[in-house]
Amino acid sequence: MIDYFPSGLLGLMLASFVAAHMSTIDTQLNWGAGYLINDFYKRFIVKNASEKHYVTMSVIVTVFIALCGAGMTLFYGFYFRCMVFINSNKRGYWCCIFT
């Protein structure tokens, strides 16, 4: 891209990629917190609280989800290797059954 775009357009492209990435992350955090608060916390744990309480808990859950996501990125290589190992063993298991 550096060879084909002038510097102004290159900056605009980079900003649009960053904005799309941030929008996706924001959507997932908002969806996750809304799901946990409205469908789990409000229904089963604290049924009759004020809206301020639910908004405060939503902020706390959003931060918690973001920290969990950031923590999982530190161990992504380990998770990836585990999933490759599990998938390779599943294939071998099914091949043994059907042969």
N, C-alpha and C. Protein backbone atom coordinates (compact mmCIF):
# COMPACT_ATOMS: atom_id res chain seq x y z
N MET A 1 0.81 -1.19 0.00
CA MET A 1 0.00 0.00 0.00
C MET A 1 0.86 1.26 0.00
N ILE A 2 2.02 1.17 0.60
CA ILE A 2 2.90 2.34 0.66
C ILE A 2 3.33 2.75 -0.74
N ASP A 3 3.51 1.79 -1.63
CA ASP A 3 3.95 2.10 -2.98
C ASP A 3 2.84 2.68 -3.85
N TYR A 4 1.60 2.42 -3.54
CA TYR A 4 0.50 2.80 -4.43
C TYR A 4 -0.30 4.01 -3.97
N PHE A 5 -0.30 4.32 -2.69
CA PHE A 5 -1.11 5.43 -2.19
C PHE A 5 -0.23 6.58 -1.73
N PRO A 6 -0.67 7.82 -1.94
CA PRO A 6 0.05 8.96 -1.36
C PRO A 6 -0.13 8.96 0.17
N SER A 7 0.69 9.74 0.85
CA SER A 7 0.71 9.68 2.31
C SER A 7 -0.64 10.06 2.93
N GLY A 8 -1.35 11.03 2.39
CA GLY A 8 -2.64 11.41 2.95
C GLY A 8 -3.67 10.31 2.83
N LEU A 9 -3.73 9.67 1.68
CA LEU A 9 -4.68 8.58 1.47
C LEU A 9 -4.28 7.35 2.28
N LEU A 10 -2.99 7.15 2.45
CA LEU A 10 -2.51 6.03 3.27
C LEU A 10 -2.93 6.22 4.72
N GLY A 11 -2.83 7.44 5.22
CA GLY A 11 -3.28 7.73 6.58
C GLY A 11 -4.78 7.55 6.74
N LEU A 12 -5.53 7.94 5.72
CA LEU A 12 -6.98 7.75 5.75
C LEU A 12 -7.34 6.26 5.75
N MET A 13 -6.63 5.47 4.96
CA MET A 13 -6.87 4.02 4.94
C MET A 13 -6.55 3.40 6.30
N LEU A 14 -5.44 3.80 6.89
CA LEU A 14 -5.07 3.28 8.21
C LEU A 14 -6.11 3.67 9.25
N ALA A 15 -6.57 4.92 9.21
CA ALA A 15 -7.59 5.36 10.17
C ALA A 15 -8.89 4.60 9.98
N SER A 16 -9.25 4.29 8.74
CA SER A 16 -10.48 3.53 8.51
C SER A 16 -10.35 2.10 9.01
N PHE A 17 -9.19 1.48 8.86
CA PHE A 17 -8.98 0.14 9.39
C PHE A 17 -9.05 0.13 10.92
N VAL A 18 -8.43 1.12 11.54
CA VAL A 18 -8.47 1.21 13.01
C VAL A 18 -9.90 1.46 13.49
N ALA A 19 -10.64 2.32 12.80
CA ALA A 19 -12.03 2.61 13.18
C ALA A 19 -12.91 1.37 13.05
N ALA A 20 -12.72 0.60 12.00
CA ALA A 20 -13.50 -0.63 11.83
C ALA A 20 -13.17 -1.64 12.92
N HIS A 21 -11.90 -1.74 13.27
CA HIS A 21 -11.49 -2.65 14.33
C HIS A 21 -12.08 -2.22 15.67
N MET A 22 -12.00 -0.93 15.99
CA MET A 22 -12.54 -0.43 17.25
C MET A 22 -14.06 -0.60 17.31
N SER A 23 -14.73 -0.41 16.19
CA SER A 23 -16.18 -0.58 16.15
C SER A 23 -16.57 -2.02 16.43
N THR A 24 -15.83 -2.96 15.88
CA THR A 24 -16.12 -4.37 16.11
C THR A 24 -15.90 -4.74 17.57
N ILE A 25 -14.80 -4.28 18.15
CA ILE A 25 -14.53 -4.56 19.56
C ILE A 25 -15.61 -3.95 20.44
N ASP A 26 -15.99 -2.71 20.17
CA ASP A 26 -17.01 -2.03 20.95
C ASP A 26 -18.35 -2.76 20.86
N THR A 27 -18.70 -3.23 19.69
CA THR A 27 -19.95 -3.96 19.52
C THR A 27 -19.95 -5.25 20.34
N GLN A 28 -18.85 -5.98 20.32
CA GLN A 28 -18.78 -7.23 21.06
C GLN A 28 -18.81 -7.00 22.57
N LEU A 29 -18.13 -5.96 23.05
CA LEU A 29 -18.15 -5.66 24.47
C LEU A 29 -19.55 -5.24 24.91
N ASN A 30 -20.20 -4.40 24.14
CA ASN A 30 -21.55 -3.94 24.48
C ASN A 30 -22.54 -5.09 24.44
N TRP A 31 -22.43 -5.94 23.44
CA TRP A 31 -23.32 -7.10 23.33
C TRP A 31 -23.12 -8.04 24.51
N GLY A 32 -21.88 -8.33 24.85
CA GLY A 32 -21.60 -9.25 25.95
C GLY A 32 -22.10 -8.74 27.29
N ALA A 33 -21.86 -7.47 27.57
CA ALA A 33 -22.32 -6.90 28.83
C ALA A 33 -23.84 -6.83 28.88
N GLY A 34 -24.46 -6.45 27.79
CA GLY A 34 -25.92 -6.39 27.75
C GLY A 34 -26.54 -7.76 27.94
N TYR A 35 -25.95 -8.75 27.32
CA TYR A 35 -26.46 -10.12 27.47
C TYR A 35 -26.34 -10.59 28.91
N LEU A 36 -25.17 -10.41 29.52
CA LEU A 36 -24.98 -10.87 30.88
C LEU A 36 -25.86 -10.13 31.88
N ILE A 37 -25.98 -8.82 31.72
CA ILE A 37 -26.77 -8.05 32.68
C ILE A 37 -28.26 -8.31 32.50
N ASN A 38 -28.78 -8.18 31.29
CA ASN A 38 -30.23 -8.30 31.08
C ASN A 38 -30.74 -9.73 31.18
N ASP A 39 -30.01 -10.68 30.64
CA ASP A 39 -30.52 -12.05 30.57
C ASP A 39 -30.10 -12.93 31.75
N PHE A 40 -29.07 -12.53 32.47
CA PHE A 40 -28.60 -13.37 33.57
C PHE A 40 -28.71 -12.64 34.91
N TYR A 41 -28.02 -11.50 35.03
CA TYR A 41 -27.95 -10.78 36.30
C TYR A 41 -29.31 -10.23 36.71
N LYS A 42 -30.00 -9.58 35.79
CA LYS A 42 -31.29 -8.97 36.09
C LYS A 42 -32.37 -10.03 36.32
N ARG A 43 -32.27 -11.14 35.65
CA ARG A 43 -33.29 -12.18 35.74
C ARG A 43 -33.11 -13.08 36.96
N PHE A 44 -31.87 -13.43 37.29
CA PHE A 44 -31.65 -14.43 38.32
C PHE A 44 -31.00 -13.91 39.60
N ILE A 45 -30.20 -12.86 39.53
CA ILE A 45 -29.43 -12.45 40.71
C ILE A 45 -30.08 -11.28 41.43
N VAL A 46 -30.20 -10.13 40.78
CA VAL A 46 -30.80 -8.94 41.39
C VAL A 46 -31.99 -8.54 40.52
N LYS A 47 -33.19 -8.86 41.01
CA LYS A 47 -34.38 -8.67 40.18
C LYS A 47 -34.94 -7.26 40.21
N ASN A 48 -34.98 -6.61 41.35
CA ASN A 48 -35.64 -5.31 41.46
C ASN A 48 -34.65 -4.26 41.95
N ALA A 49 -33.80 -3.82 41.07
CA ALA A 49 -32.85 -2.76 41.40
C ALA A 49 -33.09 -1.57 40.49
N SER A 50 -32.44 -0.47 40.82
CA SER A 50 -32.60 0.74 40.00
C SER A 50 -31.81 0.60 38.69
N GLU A 51 -32.17 1.42 37.74
CA GLU A 51 -31.45 1.43 36.46
C GLU A 51 -30.00 1.86 36.65
N LYS A 52 -29.76 2.74 37.62
CA LYS A 52 -28.39 3.17 37.90
C LYS A 52 -27.54 1.98 38.33
N HIS A 53 -28.10 1.09 39.13
CA HIS A 53 -27.39 -0.10 39.56
C HIS A 53 -27.04 -0.99 38.37
N TYR A 54 -28.00 -1.19 37.49
CA TYR A 54 -27.75 -2.04 36.32
C TYR A 54 -26.73 -1.41 35.36
N VAL A 55 -26.76 -0.10 35.22
CA VAL A 55 -25.77 0.58 34.37
C VAL A 55 -24.38 0.45 34.98
N THR A 56 -24.28 0.63 36.30
CA THR A 56 -22.99 0.48 36.98
C THR A 56 -22.46 -0.94 36.81
N MET A 57 -23.31 -1.93 36.99
CA MET A 57 -22.88 -3.31 36.81
C MET A 57 -22.51 -3.59 35.36
N SER A 58 -23.19 -2.95 34.43
CA SER A 58 -22.86 -3.12 33.01
C SER A 58 -21.46 -2.58 32.71
N VAL A 59 -21.11 -1.45 33.31
CA VAL A 59 -19.76 -0.90 33.12
C VAL A 59 -18.72 -1.85 33.71
N ILE A 60 -18.99 -2.38 34.89
CA ILE A 60 -18.05 -3.31 35.53
C ILE A 60 -17.88 -4.57 34.68
N VAL A 61 -18.98 -5.10 34.17
CA VAL A 61 -18.92 -6.31 33.34
C VAL A 61 -18.19 -6.02 32.03
N THR A 62 -18.39 -4.83 31.46
CA THR A 62 -17.69 -4.47 30.22
C THR A 62 -16.18 -4.44 30.45
N VAL A 63 -15.75 -3.84 31.55
CA VAL A 63 -14.32 -3.80 31.87
C VAL A 63 -13.80 -5.21 32.10
N PHE A 64 -14.57 -6.03 32.79
CA PHE A 64 -14.15 -7.41 33.05
C PHE A 64 -14.00 -8.20 31.75
N ILE A 65 -14.95 -8.05 30.83
CA ILE A 65 -14.88 -8.75 29.54
C ILE A 65 -13.66 -8.27 28.75
N ALA A 66 -13.41 -6.96 28.77
CA ALA A 66 -12.25 -6.42 28.05
C ALA A 66 -10.95 -6.96 28.63
N LEU A 67 -10.86 -7.03 29.96
CA LEU A 67 -9.64 -7.56 30.59
C LEU A 67 -9.48 -9.05 30.31
N CYS A 68 -10.58 -9.79 30.30
CA CYS A 68 -10.49 -11.21 29.95
C CYS A 68 -10.02 -11.40 28.51
N GLY A 69 -10.54 -10.58 27.61
CA GLY A 69 -10.11 -10.65 26.22
C GLY A 69 -8.64 -10.31 26.05
N ALA A 70 -8.20 -9.27 26.78
CA ALA A 70 -6.78 -8.90 26.71
C ALA A 70 -5.91 -9.99 27.30
N GLY A 71 -6.37 -10.61 28.38
CA GLY A 71 -5.62 -11.71 28.98
C GLY A 71 -5.54 -12.92 28.08
N MET A 72 -6.62 -13.19 27.37
CA MET A 72 -6.61 -14.35 26.47
C MET A 72 -5.65 -14.15 25.31
N THR A 73 -5.44 -12.92 24.89
CA THR A 73 -4.50 -12.70 23.79
C THR A 73 -3.07 -13.05 24.19
N LEU A 74 -2.77 -12.97 25.49
CA LEU A 74 -1.42 -13.34 25.93
C LEU A 74 -1.17 -14.83 25.77
N PHE A 75 -2.24 -15.61 25.88
CA PHE A 75 -2.12 -17.06 25.80
C PHE A 75 -2.67 -17.62 24.50
N TYR A 76 -2.82 -16.79 23.48
CA TYR A 76 -3.42 -17.24 22.23
C TYR A 76 -2.60 -18.35 21.57
N GLY A 77 -1.30 -18.25 21.61
CA GLY A 77 -0.46 -19.28 21.00
C GLY A 77 -0.68 -20.63 21.66
N PHE A 78 -0.80 -20.63 22.98
CA PHE A 78 -1.05 -21.87 23.71
C PHE A 78 -2.42 -22.44 23.34
N TYR A 79 -3.46 -21.59 23.30
CA TYR A 79 -4.79 -22.05 22.92
C TYR A 79 -4.79 -22.60 21.50
N PHE A 80 -4.08 -21.93 20.59
CA PHE A 80 -4.04 -22.38 19.21
C PHE A 80 -3.39 -23.75 19.11
N ARG A 81 -2.28 -23.95 19.81
CA ARG A 81 -1.62 -25.25 19.78
C ARG A 81 -2.51 -26.34 20.38
N CYS A 82 -3.26 -26.00 21.44
CA CYS A 82 -4.18 -26.98 22.03
C CYS A 82 -5.29 -27.35 21.05
N MET A 83 -5.83 -26.37 20.36
CA MET A 83 -6.90 -26.66 19.41
C MET A 83 -6.39 -27.49 18.23
N VAL A 84 -5.19 -27.21 17.77
CA VAL A 84 -4.62 -28.02 16.69
C VAL A 84 -4.42 -29.45 17.17
N PHE A 85 -3.94 -29.61 18.40
CA PHE A 85 -3.74 -30.94 18.95
C PHE A 85 -5.07 -31.68 19.09
N ILE A 86 -6.09 -31.01 19.60
CA ILE A 86 -7.41 -31.64 19.77
C ILE A 86 -7.99 -32.02 18.42
N ASN A 87 -7.93 -31.12 17.45
CA ASN A 87 -8.48 -31.42 16.13
C ASN A 87 -7.73 -32.55 15.44
N SER A 88 -6.41 -32.58 15.59
CA SER A 88 -5.66 -33.65 14.95
C SER A 88 -5.99 -34.99 15.60
N ASN A 89 -6.21 -34.99 16.90
CA ASN A 89 -6.57 -36.25 17.55
C ASN A 89 -7.98 -36.68 17.20
N LYS A 90 -8.89 -35.75 17.02
CA LYS A 90 -10.26 -36.11 16.61
C LYS A 90 -10.25 -36.76 15.24
N ARG A 91 -9.47 -36.20 14.34
CA ARG A 91 -9.43 -36.78 13.00
C ARG A 91 -8.88 -38.20 13.04
N GLY A 92 -7.84 -38.39 13.82
CA GLY A 92 -7.29 -39.73 13.94
C GLY A 92 -8.26 -40.71 14.57
N TYR A 93 -9.01 -40.24 15.54
CA TYR A 93 -10.01 -41.09 16.20
C TYR A 93 -11.08 -41.53 15.22
N TRP A 94 -11.61 -40.59 14.44
CA TRP A 94 -12.67 -40.94 13.49
C TRP A 94 -12.13 -41.80 12.35
N CYS A 95 -10.89 -41.58 11.96
CA CYS A 95 -10.31 -42.43 10.92
C CYS A 95 -10.16 -43.87 11.41
N CYS A 96 -9.81 -44.04 12.67
CA CYS A 96 -9.69 -45.40 13.22
C CYS A 96 -11.03 -46.09 13.31
N ILE A 97 -12.08 -45.34 13.61
CA ILE A 97 -13.41 -45.95 13.73
C ILE A 97 -13.92 -46.42 12.38
N PHE A 98 -13.75 -45.58 11.36
CA PHE A 98 -14.36 -45.88 10.06
C PHE A 98 -13.47 -46.67 9.12
N THR A 99 -12.31 -47.12 9.55
CA THR A 99 -11.47 -47.93 8.66
C THR A 99 -11.41 -49.37 9.10
